[in-house]
């Protein structure tokens, strides 16, 4: 990978976050430290309420890949795909599930129908 930059996408920091949510930021710090040891440049980016700011920052940074740690969005779990949709629109490769899978999982009725169809 000639581009040595990696972005780490996290949800907005919440001071009153649960232990599970706070762990996301610990993971981001650990990933950043490991990337630095490997000679990569790491930047942690918040997937905050102003998505235009997030997009502009990612465009300027131009990472080779984005480590997606967004597991919670203010709009609710059924909108979790918004983070990867933004990355897709920007043409950025990212870790984790693809947008279509996250969008499908956000629709509980659809998931139930697919599971029933598969006899699960």
PDB file of N, CA and C in Angstrom:
ATOM      1  N   UNK A   1       0.855  -1.158   0.000  1.00  0.00           N
ATOM      2  CA  UNK A   1       0.000   0.000   0.000  1.00  0.00           C
ATOM      3  C   UNK A   1       0.904   1.223   0.000  1.00  0.00           C
ATOM      4  N   UNK A   2       0.889   1.970  -1.127  1.00  0.00           N
ATOM      5  CA  UNK A   2       1.749   3.140  -1.224  1.00  0.00           C
ATOM      6  C   UNK A   2       1.217   4.290  -0.372  1.00  0.00           C
ATOM      7  N   UNK A   3      -0.100   4.438  -0.284  1.00  0.00           N
ATOM      8  CA  UNK A   3      -0.697   5.437   0.591  1.00  0.00           C
ATOM      9  C   UNK A   3      -0.660   4.858   1.996  1.00  0.00           C
ATOM     10  N   UNK A   4       0.048   5.498   2.867  1.00  0.00           N
ATOM     11  CA  UNK A   4       0.260   4.971   4.218  1.00  0.00           C
ATOM     12  C   UNK A   4      -0.782   5.471   5.220  1.00  0.00           C
ATOM     13  N   UNK A   5      -1.783   6.197   4.731  1.00  0.00           N
ATOM     14  CA  UNK A   5      -2.782   6.776   5.627  1.00  0.00           C
ATOM     15  C   UNK A   5      -3.975   5.845   5.829  1.00  0.00           C
ATOM     16  N   UNK A   6      -4.384   5.746   7.085  1.00  0.00           N
ATOM     17  CA  UNK A   6      -5.564   4.958   7.461  1.00  0.00           C
ATOM     18  C   UNK A   6      -6.440   5.839   8.338  1.00  0.00           C
ATOM     19  N   UNK A   7      -7.702   5.934   8.004  1.00  0.00           N
ATOM     20  CA  UNK A   7      -8.653   6.667   8.842  1.00  0.00           C
ATOM     21  C   UNK A   7      -9.394   5.659   9.721  1.00  0.00           C
ATOM     22  N   UNK A   8      -9.671   6.071  10.935  1.00  0.00           N
ATOM     23  CA  UNK A   8     -10.442   5.257  11.867  1.00  0.00           C
ATOM     24  C   UNK A   8     -11.731   6.032  12.138  1.00  0.00           C
ATOM     25  N   UNK A   9     -12.853   5.494  11.665  1.00  0.00           N
ATOM     26  CA  UNK A   9     -14.142   6.179  11.788  1.00  0.00           C
ATOM     27  C   UNK A   9     -14.843   5.721  13.058  1.00  0.00           C
ATOM     28  N   UNK A  10     -15.184   6.688  13.905  1.00  0.00           N
ATOM     29  CA  UNK A  10     -15.834   6.397  15.188  1.00  0.00           C
ATOM     30  C   UNK A  10     -17.126   7.203  15.298  1.00  0.00           C
ATOM     31  N   UNK A  11     -18.040   6.774  16.177  1.00  0.00           N
ATOM     32  CA  UNK A  11     -19.245   7.578  16.403  1.00  0.00           C
ATOM     33  C   UNK A  11     -18.871   8.836  17.193  1.00  0.00           C
ATOM     34  N   UNK A  12     -19.779   9.797  17.297  1.00  0.00           N
ATOM     35  CA  UNK A  12     -19.486  10.968  18.126  1.00  0.00           C
ATOM     36  C   UNK A  12     -19.261  10.538  19.571  1.00  0.00           C
ATOM     37  N   UNK A  13     -18.301  11.171  20.220  1.00  0.00           N
ATOM     38  CA  UNK A  13     -18.012  10.805  21.609  1.00  0.00           C
ATOM     39  C   UNK A  13     -19.134  11.315  22.514  1.00  0.00           C
ATOM     40  N   UNK A  14     -19.554  10.449  23.431  1.00  0.00           N
ATOM     41  CA  UNK A  14     -20.637  10.762  24.347  1.00  0.00           C
ATOM     42  C   UNK A  14     -20.105  10.594  25.763  1.00  0.00           C
ATOM     43  N   UNK A  15     -19.982  11.688  26.532  1.00  0.00           N
ATOM     44  CA  UNK A  15     -19.424  11.588  27.886  1.00  0.00           C
ATOM     45  C   UNK A  15     -20.177  10.609  28.788  1.00  0.00           C
ATOM     46  N   UNK A  16     -21.470  10.444  28.574  1.00  0.00           N
ATOM     47  CA  UNK A  16     -22.259   9.535  29.402  1.00  0.00           C
ATOM     48  C   UNK A  16     -22.445   8.173  28.764  1.00  0.00           C
ATOM     49  N   UNK A  17     -21.519   7.796  27.882  1.00  0.00           N
ATOM     50  CA  UNK A  17     -21.653   6.549  27.121  1.00  0.00           C
ATOM     51  C   UNK A  17     -21.545   5.319  28.013  1.00  0.00           C
ATOM     52  N   UNK A  18     -22.171   4.252  27.543  1.00  0.00           N
ATOM     53  CA  UNK A  18     -22.063   2.965  28.241  1.00  0.00           C
ATOM     54  C   UNK A  18     -20.640   2.448  28.095  1.00  0.00           C
ATOM     55  N   UNK A  19     -20.301   1.453  28.894  1.00  0.00           N
ATOM     56  CA  UNK A  19     -18.959   0.862  28.827  1.00  0.00           C
ATOM     57  C   UNK A  19     -18.684   0.307  27.434  1.00  0.00           C
ATOM     58  N   UNK A  20     -19.704  -0.276  26.816  1.00  0.00           N
ATOM     59  CA  UNK A  20     -19.563  -0.832  25.474  1.00  0.00           C
ATOM     60  C   UNK A  20     -19.230   0.260  24.468  1.00  0.00           C
ATOM     61  N   UNK A  21     -19.919   1.384  24.559  1.00  0.00           N
ATOM     62  CA  UNK A  21     -19.668   2.497  23.648  1.00  0.00           C
ATOM     63  C   UNK A  21     -18.298   3.123  23.917  1.00  0.00           C
ATOM     64  N   UNK A  22     -17.931   3.253  25.177  1.00  0.00           N
ATOM     65  CA  UNK A  22     -16.623   3.816  25.530  1.00  0.00           C
ATOM     66  C   UNK A  22     -15.500   2.926  25.019  1.00  0.00           C
ATOM     67  N   UNK A  23     -15.741   1.626  24.953  1.00  0.00           N
ATOM     68  CA  UNK A  23     -14.727   0.681  24.464  1.00  0.00           C
ATOM     69  C   UNK A  23     -14.360   0.963  23.009  1.00  0.00           C
ATOM     70  N   UNK A  24     -15.292   1.510  22.241  1.00  0.00           N
ATOM     71  CA  UNK A  24     -15.013   1.849  20.840  1.00  0.00           C
ATOM     72  C   UNK A  24     -13.826   2.803  20.749  1.00  0.00           C
ATOM     73  N   UNK A  25     -13.756   3.766  21.652  1.00  0.00           N
ATOM     74  CA  UNK A  25     -12.683   4.754  21.616  1.00  0.00           C
ATOM     75  C   UNK A  25     -11.363   4.162  22.089  1.00  0.00           C
ATOM     76  N   UNK A  26     -11.431   3.209  22.998  1.00  0.00           N
ATOM     77  CA  UNK A  26     -10.228   2.471  23.389  1.00  0.00           C
ATOM     78  C   UNK A  26      -9.708   1.670  22.193  1.00  0.00           C
ATOM     79  N   UNK A  27     -10.614   1.014  21.481  1.00  0.00           N
ATOM     80  CA  UNK A  27     -10.228   0.269  20.278  1.00  0.00           C
ATOM     81  C   UNK A  27      -9.572   1.194  19.261  1.00  0.00           C
ATOM     82  N   UNK A  28     -10.148   2.367  19.066  1.00  0.00           N
ATOM     83  CA  UNK A  28      -9.601   3.326  18.094  1.00  0.00           C
ATOM     84  C   UNK A  28      -8.180   3.725  18.478  1.00  0.00           C
ATOM     85  N   UNK A  29      -7.953   3.994  19.757  1.00  0.00           N
ATOM     86  CA  UNK A  29      -6.594   4.359  20.208  1.00  0.00           C
ATOM     87  C   UNK A  29      -5.617   3.210  19.992  1.00  0.00           C
ATOM     88  N   UNK A  30      -6.049   1.989  20.321  1.00  0.00           N
ATOM     89  CA  UNK A  30      -5.167   0.830  20.153  1.00  0.00           C
ATOM     90  C   UNK A  30      -4.855   0.572  18.680  1.00  0.00           C
ATOM     91  N   UNK A  31      -5.842   0.701  17.823  1.00  0.00           N
ATOM     92  CA  UNK A  31      -5.627   0.522  16.387  1.00  0.00           C
ATOM     93  C   UNK A  31      -4.659   1.579  15.877  1.00  0.00           C
ATOM     94  N   UNK A  32      -4.850   2.819  16.310  1.00  0.00           N
ATOM     95  CA  UNK A  32      -3.975   3.912  15.905  1.00  0.00           C
ATOM     96  C   UNK A  32      -2.530   3.639  16.328  1.00  0.00           C
ATOM     97  N   UNK A  33      -2.351   3.195  17.564  1.00  0.00           N
ATOM     98  CA  UNK A  33      -1.005   2.881  18.066  1.00  0.00           C
ATOM     99  C   UNK A  33      -0.365   1.758  17.247  1.00  0.00           C
ATOM    100  N   UNK A  34      -1.130   0.719  16.949  1.00  0.00           N
ATOM    101  CA  UNK A  34      -0.601  -0.404  16.158  1.00  0.00           C
ATOM    102  C   UNK A  34      -0.227   0.053  14.744  1.00  0.00           C
ATOM    103  N   UNK A  35      -1.061   0.886  14.144  1.00  0.00           N
ATOM    104  CA  UNK A  35      -0.770   1.381  12.798  1.00  0.00           C
ATOM    105  C   UNK A  35       0.508   2.219  12.796  1.00  0.00           C
ATOM    106  N   UNK A  36       0.679   3.025  13.832  1.00  0.00           N
ATOM    107  CA  UNK A  36       1.893   3.844  13.942  1.00  0.00           C
ATOM    108  C   UNK A  36       3.127   2.951  14.044  1.00  0.00           C
ATOM    109  N   UNK A  37       3.044   1.899  14.821  1.00  0.00           N
ATOM    110  CA  UNK A  37       4.154   0.952  14.948  1.00  0.00           C
ATOM    111  C   UNK A  37       4.482   0.330  13.589  1.00  0.00           C
ATOM    112  N   UNK A  38       3.447   0.102  12.790  1.00  0.00           N
ATOM    113  CA  UNK A  38       3.634  -0.493  11.466  1.00  0.00           C
ATOM    114  C   UNK A  38       4.062   0.534  10.412  1.00  0.00           C
ATOM    115  N   UNK A  39       4.266   1.775  10.838  1.00  0.00           N
ATOM    116  CA  UNK A  39       4.719   2.808   9.918  1.00  0.00           C
ATOM    117  C   UNK A  39       3.613   3.470   9.116  1.00  0.00           C
ATOM    118  N   UNK A  40       2.388   3.328   9.570  1.00  0.00           N
ATOM    119  CA  UNK A  40       1.246   3.958   8.895  1.00  0.00           C
ATOM    120  C   UNK A  40       0.877   5.248   9.624  1.00  0.00           C
ATOM    121  N   UNK A  41       0.199   6.105   8.915  1.00  0.00           N
ATOM    122  CA  UNK A  41      -0.317   7.352   9.475  1.00  0.00           C
ATOM    123  C   UNK A  41      -1.780   7.113   9.786  1.00  0.00           C
ATOM    124  N   UNK A  42      -2.204   7.348  11.019  1.00  0.00           N
ATOM    125  CA  UNK A  42      -3.599   7.094  11.397  1.00  0.00           C
ATOM    126  C   UNK A  42      -4.272   8.384  11.842  1.00  0.00           C
ATOM    127  N   UNK A  43      -5.515   8.553  11.419  1.00  0.00           N
ATOM    128  CA  UNK A  43      -6.312   9.699  11.817  1.00  0.00           C
ATOM    129  C   UNK A  43      -7.676   9.189  12.261  1.00  0.00           C
ATOM    130  N   UNK A  44      -8.093   9.567  13.457  1.00  0.00           N
ATOM    131  CA  UNK A  44      -9.414   9.194  13.948  1.00  0.00           C
ATOM    132  C   UNK A  44     -10.399  10.292  13.550  1.00  0.00           C
ATOM    133  N   UNK A  45     -11.492   9.876  12.916  1.00  0.00           N
ATOM    134  CA  UNK A  45     -12.496  10.794  12.389  1.00  0.00           C
ATOM    135  C   UNK A  45     -13.846  10.447  13.001  1.00  0.00           C
ATOM    136  N   UNK A  46     -14.545  11.459  13.497  1.00  0.00           N
ATOM    137  CA  UNK A  46     -15.861  11.246  14.085  1.00  0.00           C
ATOM    138  C   UNK A  46     -16.946  11.287  13.006  1.00  0.00           C
ATOM    139  N   UNK A  47     -17.817  10.285  13.031  1.00  0.00           N
ATOM    140  CA  UNK A  47     -18.993  10.279  12.167  1.00  0.00           C
ATOM    141  C   UNK A  47     -20.083  11.025  12.924  1.00  0.00           C
ATOM    142  N   UNK A  48     -19.897  12.342  13.009  1.00  0.00           N
ATOM    143  CA  UNK A  48     -20.765  13.183  13.812  1.00  0.00           C
ATOM    144  C   UNK A  48     -22.000  13.643  13.075  1.00  0.00           C
ATOM    145  N   UNK A  49     -22.740  14.548  13.701  1.00  0.00           N
ATOM    146  CA  UNK A  49     -23.986  15.009  13.109  1.00  0.00           C
ATOM    147  C   UNK A  49     -23.785  15.799  11.811  1.00  0.00           C
ATOM    148  N   UNK A  50     -22.636  16.458  11.653  1.00  0.00           N
ATOM    149  CA  UNK A  50     -22.380  17.196  10.419  1.00  0.00           C
ATOM    150  C   UNK A  50     -21.601  16.303   9.463  1.00  0.00           C
ATOM    151  N   UNK A  51     -22.334  15.544   8.667  1.00  0.00           N
ATOM    152  CA  UNK A  51     -21.723  14.565   7.758  1.00  0.00           C
ATOM    153  C   UNK A  51     -20.901  15.234   6.667  1.00  0.00           C
ATOM    154  N   UNK A  52     -21.238  16.493   6.336  1.00  0.00           N
ATOM    155  CA  UNK A  52     -20.448  17.218   5.337  1.00  0.00           C
ATOM    156  C   UNK A  52     -19.035  17.464   5.861  1.00  0.00           C
ATOM    157  N   UNK A  53     -18.922  17.798   7.152  1.00  0.00           N
ATOM    158  CA  UNK A  53     -17.596  17.986   7.752  1.00  0.00           C
ATOM    159  C   UNK A  53     -16.811  16.679   7.743  1.00  0.00           C
ATOM    160  N   UNK A  54     -17.493  15.582   8.081  1.00  0.00           N
ATOM    161  CA  UNK A  54     -16.839  14.273   8.075  1.00  0.00           C
ATOM    162  C   UNK A  54     -16.338  13.947   6.672  1.00  0.00           C
ATOM    163  N   UNK A  55     -17.181  14.162   5.671  1.00  0.00           N
ATOM    164  CA  UNK A  55     -16.811  13.878   4.280  1.00  0.00           C
ATOM    165  C   UNK A  55     -15.636  14.750   3.843  1.00  0.00           C
ATOM    166  N   UNK A  56     -15.666  16.028   4.188  1.00  0.00           N
ATOM    167  CA  UNK A  56     -14.585  16.939   3.794  1.00  0.00           C
ATOM    168  C   UNK A  56     -13.264  16.516   4.422  1.00  0.00           C
ATOM    169  N   UNK A  57     -13.292  16.141   5.679  1.00  0.00           N
ATOM    170  CA  UNK A  57     -12.075  15.702   6.365  1.00  0.00           C
ATOM    171  C   UNK A  57     -11.523  14.429   5.723  1.00  0.00           C
ATOM    172  N   UNK A  58     -12.404  13.484   5.426  1.00  0.00           N
ATOM    173  CA  UNK A  58     -11.962  12.239   4.789  1.00  0.00           C
ATOM    174  C   UNK A  58     -11.404  12.502   3.392  1.00  0.00           C
ATOM    175  N   UNK A  59     -12.034  13.399   2.647  1.00  0.00           N
ATOM    176  CA  UNK A  59     -11.515  13.731   1.313  1.00  0.00           C
ATOM    177  C   UNK A  59     -10.116  14.330   1.411  1.00  0.00           C
ATOM    178  N   UNK A  60      -9.936  15.270   2.341  1.00  0.00           N
ATOM    179  CA  UNK A  60      -8.615  15.907   2.507  1.00  0.00           C
ATOM    180  C   UNK A  60      -7.558  14.889   2.929  1.00  0.00           C
ATOM    181  N   UNK A  61      -7.919  14.012   3.831  1.00  0.00           N
ATOM    182  CA  UNK A  61      -6.959  13.037   4.361  1.00  0.00           C
ATOM    183  C   UNK A  61      -6.638  11.965   3.320  1.00  0.00           C
ATOM    184  N   UNK A  62      -7.610  11.620   2.497  1.00  0.00           N
ATOM    185  CA  UNK A  62      -7.444  10.648   1.415  1.00  0.00           C
ATOM    186  C   UNK A  62      -6.798   9.340   1.890  1.00  0.00           C
ATOM    187  N   UNK A  63      -7.466   8.633   2.814  1.00  0.00           N
ATOM    188  CA  UNK A  63      -6.879   7.399   3.339  1.00  0.00           C
ATOM    189  C   UNK A  63      -6.926   6.250   2.324  1.00  0.00           C
ATOM    190  N   UNK A  64      -6.006   5.319   2.465  1.00  0.00           N
ATOM    191  CA  UNK A  64      -6.018   4.113   1.641  1.00  0.00           C
ATOM    192  C   UNK A  64      -7.177   3.212   2.047  1.00  0.00           C
ATOM    193  N   UNK A  65      -7.523   3.252   3.321  1.00  0.00           N
ATOM    194  CA  UNK A  65      -8.616   2.432   3.854  1.00  0.00           C
ATOM    195  C   UNK A  65      -9.158   3.118   5.109  1.00  0.00           C
ATOM    196  N   UNK A  66     -10.421   2.829   5.411  1.00  0.00           N
ATOM    197  CA  UNK A  66     -11.057   3.349   6.618  1.00  0.00           C
ATOM    198  C   UNK A  66     -11.441   2.163   7.499  1.00  0.00           C
ATOM    199  N   UNK A  67     -11.003   2.199   8.751  1.00  0.00           N
ATOM    200  CA  UNK A  67     -11.414   1.194   9.730  1.00  0.00           C
ATOM    201  C   UNK A  67     -12.720   1.720  10.325  1.00  0.00           C
ATOM    202  N   UNK A  68     -13.816   1.031  10.032  1.00  0.00           N
ATOM    203  CA  UNK A  68     -15.130   1.489  10.459  1.00  0.00           C
ATOM    204  C   UNK A  68     -15.472   0.914  11.831  1.00  0.00           C
ATOM    205  N   UNK A  69     -15.470   1.776  12.844  1.00  0.00           N
ATOM    206  CA  UNK A  69     -15.846   1.366  14.194  1.00  0.00           C
ATOM    207  C   UNK A  69     -17.210   1.924  14.602  1.00  0.00           C
ATOM    208  N   UNK A  70     -17.947   2.461  13.648  1.00  0.00           N
ATOM    209  CA  UNK A  70     -19.262   3.029  13.955  1.00  0.00           C
ATOM    210  C   UNK A  70     -20.254   1.887  14.154  1.00  0.00           C
ATOM    211  N   UNK A  71     -20.712   1.751  15.392  1.00  0.00           N
ATOM    212  CA  UNK A  71     -21.691   0.711  15.731  1.00  0.00           C
ATOM    213  C   UNK A  71     -22.978   1.320  16.259  1.00  0.00           C
ATOM    214  N   UNK A  72     -23.015   2.650  16.274  1.00  0.00           N
ATOM    215  CA  UNK A  72     -24.184   3.337  16.811  1.00  0.00           C
ATOM    216  C   UNK A  72     -24.268   4.709  16.148  1.00  0.00           C
ATOM    217  N   UNK A  73     -25.447   5.065  15.689  1.00  0.00           N
ATOM    218  CA  UNK A  73     -25.663   6.398  15.106  1.00  0.00           C
ATOM    219  C   UNK A  73     -26.849   7.042  15.803  1.00  0.00           C
ATOM    220  N   UNK A  74     -26.874   8.368  15.895  1.00  0.00           N
ATOM    221  CA  UNK A  74     -27.975   9.039  16.600  1.00  0.00           C
ATOM    222  C   UNK A  74     -29.350   8.711  16.011  1.00  0.00           C
ATOM    223  N   UNK A  75     -29.409   8.406  14.711  1.00  0.00           N
ATOM    224  CA  UNK A  75     -30.691   8.108  14.067  1.00  0.00           C
ATOM    225  C   UNK A  75     -31.259   6.753  14.470  1.00  0.00           C
ATOM    226  N   UNK A  76     -30.458   5.917  15.114  1.00  0.00           N
ATOM    227  CA  UNK A  76     -30.901   4.597  15.544  1.00  0.00           C
ATOM    228  C   UNK A  76     -30.259   3.482  14.736  1.00  0.00           C
ATOM    229  N   UNK A  77     -30.340   2.279  15.260  1.00  0.00           N
ATOM    230  CA  UNK A  77     -29.671   1.112  14.667  1.00  0.00           C
ATOM    231  C   UNK A  77     -30.092   0.834  13.232  1.00  0.00           C
ATOM    232  N   UNK A  78     -31.340   1.153  12.895  1.00  0.00           N
ATOM    233  CA  UNK A  78     -31.807   0.882  11.528  1.00  0.00           C
ATOM    234  C   UNK A  78     -31.130   1.792  10.500  1.00  0.00           C
ATOM    235  N   UNK A  79     -30.372   2.770  10.978  1.00  0.00           N
ATOM    236  CA  UNK A  79     -29.659   3.689  10.078  1.00  0.00           C
ATOM    237  C   UNK A  79     -28.138   3.516  10.147  1.00  0.00           C
ATOM    238  N   UNK A  80     -27.695   2.402  10.663  1.00  0.00           N
ATOM    239  CA  UNK A  80     -26.265   2.148  10.812  1.00  0.00           C
ATOM    240  C   UNK A  80     -25.535   2.187   9.473  1.00  0.00           C
ATOM    241  N   UNK A  81     -26.243   1.876   8.417  1.00  0.00           N
ATOM    242  CA  UNK A  81     -25.643   1.868   7.077  1.00  0.00           C
ATOM    243  C   UNK A  81     -25.231   3.262   6.590  1.00  0.00           C
ATOM    244  N   UNK A  82     -25.649   4.319   7.285  1.00  0.00           N
ATOM    245  CA  UNK A  82     -25.308   5.677   6.840  1.00  0.00           C
ATOM    246  C   UNK A  82     -23.799   5.910   6.832  1.00  0.00           C
ATOM    247  N   UNK A  83     -23.090   5.306   7.773  1.00  0.00           N
ATOM    248  CA  UNK A  83     -21.635   5.492   7.821  1.00  0.00           C
ATOM    249  C   UNK A  83     -20.975   4.873   6.594  1.00  0.00           C
ATOM    250  N   UNK A  84     -21.319   3.631   6.287  1.00  0.00           N
ATOM    251  CA  UNK A  84     -20.691   2.983   5.131  1.00  0.00           C
ATOM    252  C   UNK A  84     -21.193   3.579   3.821  1.00  0.00           C
ATOM    253  N   UNK A  85     -22.435   4.074   3.806  1.00  0.00           N
ATOM    254  CA  UNK A  85     -22.943   4.727   2.595  1.00  0.00           C
ATOM    255  C   UNK A  85     -22.115   5.970   2.272  1.00  0.00           C
ATOM    256  N   UNK A  86     -21.745   6.715   3.315  1.00  0.00           N
ATOM    257  CA  UNK A  86     -20.892   7.883   3.105  1.00  0.00           C
ATOM    258  C   UNK A  86     -19.534   7.455   2.544  1.00  0.00           C
ATOM    259  N   UNK A  87     -18.968   6.421   3.120  1.00  0.00           N
ATOM    260  CA  UNK A  87     -17.662   5.931   2.643  1.00  0.00           C
ATOM    261  C   UNK A  87     -17.761   5.452   1.198  1.00  0.00           C
ATOM    262  N   UNK A  88     -18.852   4.778   0.873  1.00  0.00           N
ATOM    263  CA  UNK A  88     -19.062   4.327  -0.509  1.00  0.00           C
ATOM    264  C   UNK A  88     -19.145   5.516  -1.460  1.00  0.00           C
ATOM    265  N   UNK A  89     -19.921   6.546  -1.072  1.00  0.00           N
ATOM    266  CA  UNK A  89     -20.057   7.739  -1.929  1.00  0.00           C
ATOM    267  C   UNK A  89     -18.714   8.407  -2.170  1.00  0.00           C
ATOM    268  N   UNK A  90     -17.836   8.350  -1.162  1.00  0.00           N
ATOM    269  CA  UNK A  90     -16.515   8.963  -1.293  1.00  0.00           C
ATOM    270  C   UNK A  90     -15.526   8.048  -2.017  1.00  0.00           C
ATOM    271  N   UNK A  91     -15.956   6.822  -2.314  1.00  0.00           N
ATOM    272  CA  UNK A  91     -15.079   5.875  -3.003  1.00  0.00           C
ATOM    273  C   UNK A  91     -13.975   5.339  -2.119  1.00  0.00           C
ATOM    274  N   UNK A  92     -14.237   5.278  -0.802  1.00  0.00           N
ATOM    275  CA  UNK A  92     -13.219   4.815   0.140  1.00  0.00           C
ATOM    276  C   UNK A  92     -13.450   3.353   0.533  1.00  0.00           C
ATOM    277  N   UNK A  93     -12.379   2.585   0.471  1.00  0.00           N
ATOM    278  CA  UNK A  93     -12.464   1.197   0.949  1.00  0.00           C
ATOM    279  C   UNK A  93     -12.579   1.228   2.459  1.00  0.00           C
ATOM    280  N   UNK A  94     -13.330   0.253   3.004  1.00  0.00           N
ATOM    281  CA  UNK A  94     -13.524   0.240   4.453  1.00  0.00           C
ATOM    282  C   UNK A  94     -13.670  -1.181   4.964  1.00  0.00           C
ATOM    283  N   UNK A  95     -13.427  -1.317   6.256  1.00  0.00           N
ATOM    284  CA  UNK A  95     -13.577  -2.606   6.919  1.00  0.00           C
ATOM    285  C   UNK A  95     -15.029  -2.795   7.320  1.00  0.00           C
ATOM    286  N   UNK A  96     -15.384  -4.030   7.626  1.00  0.00           N
ATOM    287  CA  UNK A  96     -16.724  -4.326   8.127  1.00  0.00           C
ATOM    288  C   UNK A  96     -17.690  -4.705   7.030  1.00  0.00           C
ATOM    289  N   UNK A  97     -18.935  -4.793   7.424  1.00  0.00           N
ATOM    290  CA  UNK A  97     -20.002  -5.225   6.511  1.00  0.00           C
ATOM    291  C   UNK A  97     -20.265  -4.162   5.449  1.00  0.00           C
ATOM    292  N   UNK A  98     -20.674  -4.598   4.266  1.00  0.00           N
ATOM    293  CA  UNK A  98     -21.027  -3.625   3.220  1.00  0.00           C
ATOM    294  C   UNK A  98     -22.347  -2.921   3.532  1.00  0.00           C
ATOM    295  N   UNK A  99     -22.555  -1.799   2.881  1.00  0.00           N
ATOM    296  CA  UNK A  99     -23.729  -0.972   3.113  1.00  0.00           C
ATOM    297  C   UNK A  99     -25.036  -1.745   2.925  1.00  0.00           C
ATOM    298  N   UNK A 100     -25.136  -2.521   1.857  1.00  0.00           N
ATOM    299  CA  UNK A 100     -26.383  -3.250   1.586  1.00  0.00           C
ATOM    300  C   UNK A 100     -26.724  -4.205   2.730  1.00  0.00           C
ATOM    301  N   UNK A 101     -25.724  -4.874   3.272  1.00  0.00           N
ATOM    302  CA  UNK A 101     -25.970  -5.802   4.383  1.00  0.00           C
ATOM    303  C   UNK A 101     -26.431  -5.048   5.627  1.00  0.00           C
ATOM    304  N   UNK A 102     -25.780  -3.927   5.925  1.00  0.00           N
ATOM    305  CA  UNK A 102     -26.177  -3.155   7.104  1.00  0.00           C
ATOM    306  C   UNK A 102     -27.585  -2.589   6.942  1.00  0.00           C
ATOM    307  N   UNK A 103     -27.912  -2.132   5.735  1.00  0.00           N
ATOM    308  CA  UNK A 103     -29.253  -1.601   5.487  1.00  0.00           C
ATOM    309  C   UNK A 103     -30.302  -2.701   5.631  1.00  0.00           C
ATOM    310  N   UNK A 104     -29.999  -3.875   5.107  1.00  0.00           N
ATOM    311  CA  UNK A 104     -30.943  -5.002   5.210  1.00  0.00           C
ATOM    312  C   UNK A 104     -31.148  -5.414   6.657  1.00  0.00           C
ATOM    313  N   UNK A 105     -30.077  -5.421   7.439  1.00  0.00           N
ATOM    314  CA  UNK A 105     -30.191  -5.814   8.843  1.00  0.00           C
ATOM    315  C   UNK A 105     -30.959  -4.781   9.661  1.00  0.00           C
ATOM    316  N   UNK A 106     -31.014  -3.559   9.196  1.00  0.00           N
ATOM    317  CA  UNK A 106     -31.741  -2.514   9.907  1.00  0.00           C
ATOM    318  C   UNK A 106     -33.251  -2.634   9.768  1.00  0.00           C
ATOM    319  N   UNK A 107     -33.702  -3.428   8.807  1.00  0.00           N
ATOM    320  CA  UNK A 107     -35.130  -3.624   8.570  1.00  0.00           C
ATOM    321  C   UNK A 107     -35.534  -4.961   9.199  1.00  0.00           C
ATOM    322  N   UNK A 108     -36.036  -4.903  10.432  1.00  0.00           N
ATOM    323  CA  UNK A 108     -36.331  -6.133  11.182  1.00  0.00           C
ATOM    324  C   UNK A 108     -37.339  -7.029  10.466  1.00  0.00           C
ATOM    325  N   UNK A 109     -38.351  -6.440   9.849  1.00  0.00           N
ATOM    326  CA  UNK A 109     -39.336  -7.265   9.141  1.00  0.00           C
ATOM    327  C   UNK A 109     -38.692  -8.012   7.983  1.00  0.00           C
ATOM    328  N   UNK A 110     -37.817  -7.347   7.271  1.00  0.00           N
ATOM    329  CA  UNK A 110     -37.116  -7.987   6.152  1.00  0.00           C
ATOM    330  C   UNK A 110     -36.233  -9.137   6.659  1.00  0.00           C
ATOM    331  N   UNK A 111     -35.500  -8.881   7.730  1.00  0.00           N
ATOM    332  CA  UNK A 111     -34.625  -9.920   8.293  1.00  0.00           C
ATOM    333  C   UNK A 111     -35.455 -11.128   8.733  1.00  0.00           C
ATOM    334  N   UNK A 112     -36.566 -10.893   9.406  1.00  0.00           N
ATOM    335  CA  UNK A 112     -37.425 -11.994   9.837  1.00  0.00           C
ATOM    336  C   UNK A 112     -37.947 -12.800   8.650  1.00  0.00           C
ATOM    337  N   UNK A 113     -38.338 -12.093   7.586  1.00  0.00           N
ATOM    338  CA  UNK A 113     -38.841 -12.778   6.391  1.00  0.00           C
ATOM    339  C   UNK A 113     -37.760 -13.643   5.744  1.00  0.00           C
ATOM    340  N   UNK A 114     -36.546 -13.109   5.680  1.00  0.00           N
ATOM    341  CA  UNK A 114     -35.431 -13.869   5.090  1.00  0.00           C
ATOM    342  C   UNK A 114     -35.111 -15.077   5.948  1.00  0.00           C
ATOM    343  N   UNK A 115     -35.123 -14.914   7.255  1.00  0.00           N
ATOM    344  CA  UNK A 115     -34.849 -16.047   8.147  1.00  0.00           C
ATOM    345  C   UNK A 115     -35.937 -17.120   8.041  1.00  0.00           C
ATOM    346  N   UNK A 116     -37.192 -16.688   7.961  1.00  0.00           N
ATOM    347  CA  UNK A 116     -38.290 -17.651   7.809  1.00  0.00           C
ATOM    348  C   UNK A 116     -38.167 -18.399   6.475  1.00  0.00           C
ATOM    349  N   UNK A 117     -37.833 -17.665   5.425  1.00  0.00           N
ATOM    350  CA  UNK A 117     -37.669 -18.277   4.100  1.00  0.00           C
ATOM    351  C   UNK A 117     -36.555 -19.324   4.101  1.00  0.00           C
ATOM    352  N   UNK A 118     -35.530 -19.069   4.925  1.00  0.00           N
ATOM    353  CA  UNK A 118     -34.405 -20.001   5.017  1.00  0.00           C
ATOM    354  C   UNK A 118     -34.674 -21.094   6.068  1.00  0.00           C
ATOM    355  N   UNK A 119     -35.877 -21.104   6.626  1.00  0.00           N
ATOM    356  CA  UNK A 119     -36.281 -22.061   7.658  1.00  0.00           C
ATOM    357  C   UNK A 119     -35.411 -21.976   8.910  1.00  0.00           C
ATOM    358  N   UNK A 120     -35.050 -20.767   9.254  1.00  0.00           N
ATOM    359  CA  UNK A 120     -34.253 -20.530  10.469  1.00  0.00           C
ATOM    360  C   UNK A 120     -35.086 -19.843  11.522  1.00  0.00           C
TER     361      UNK A 120
END
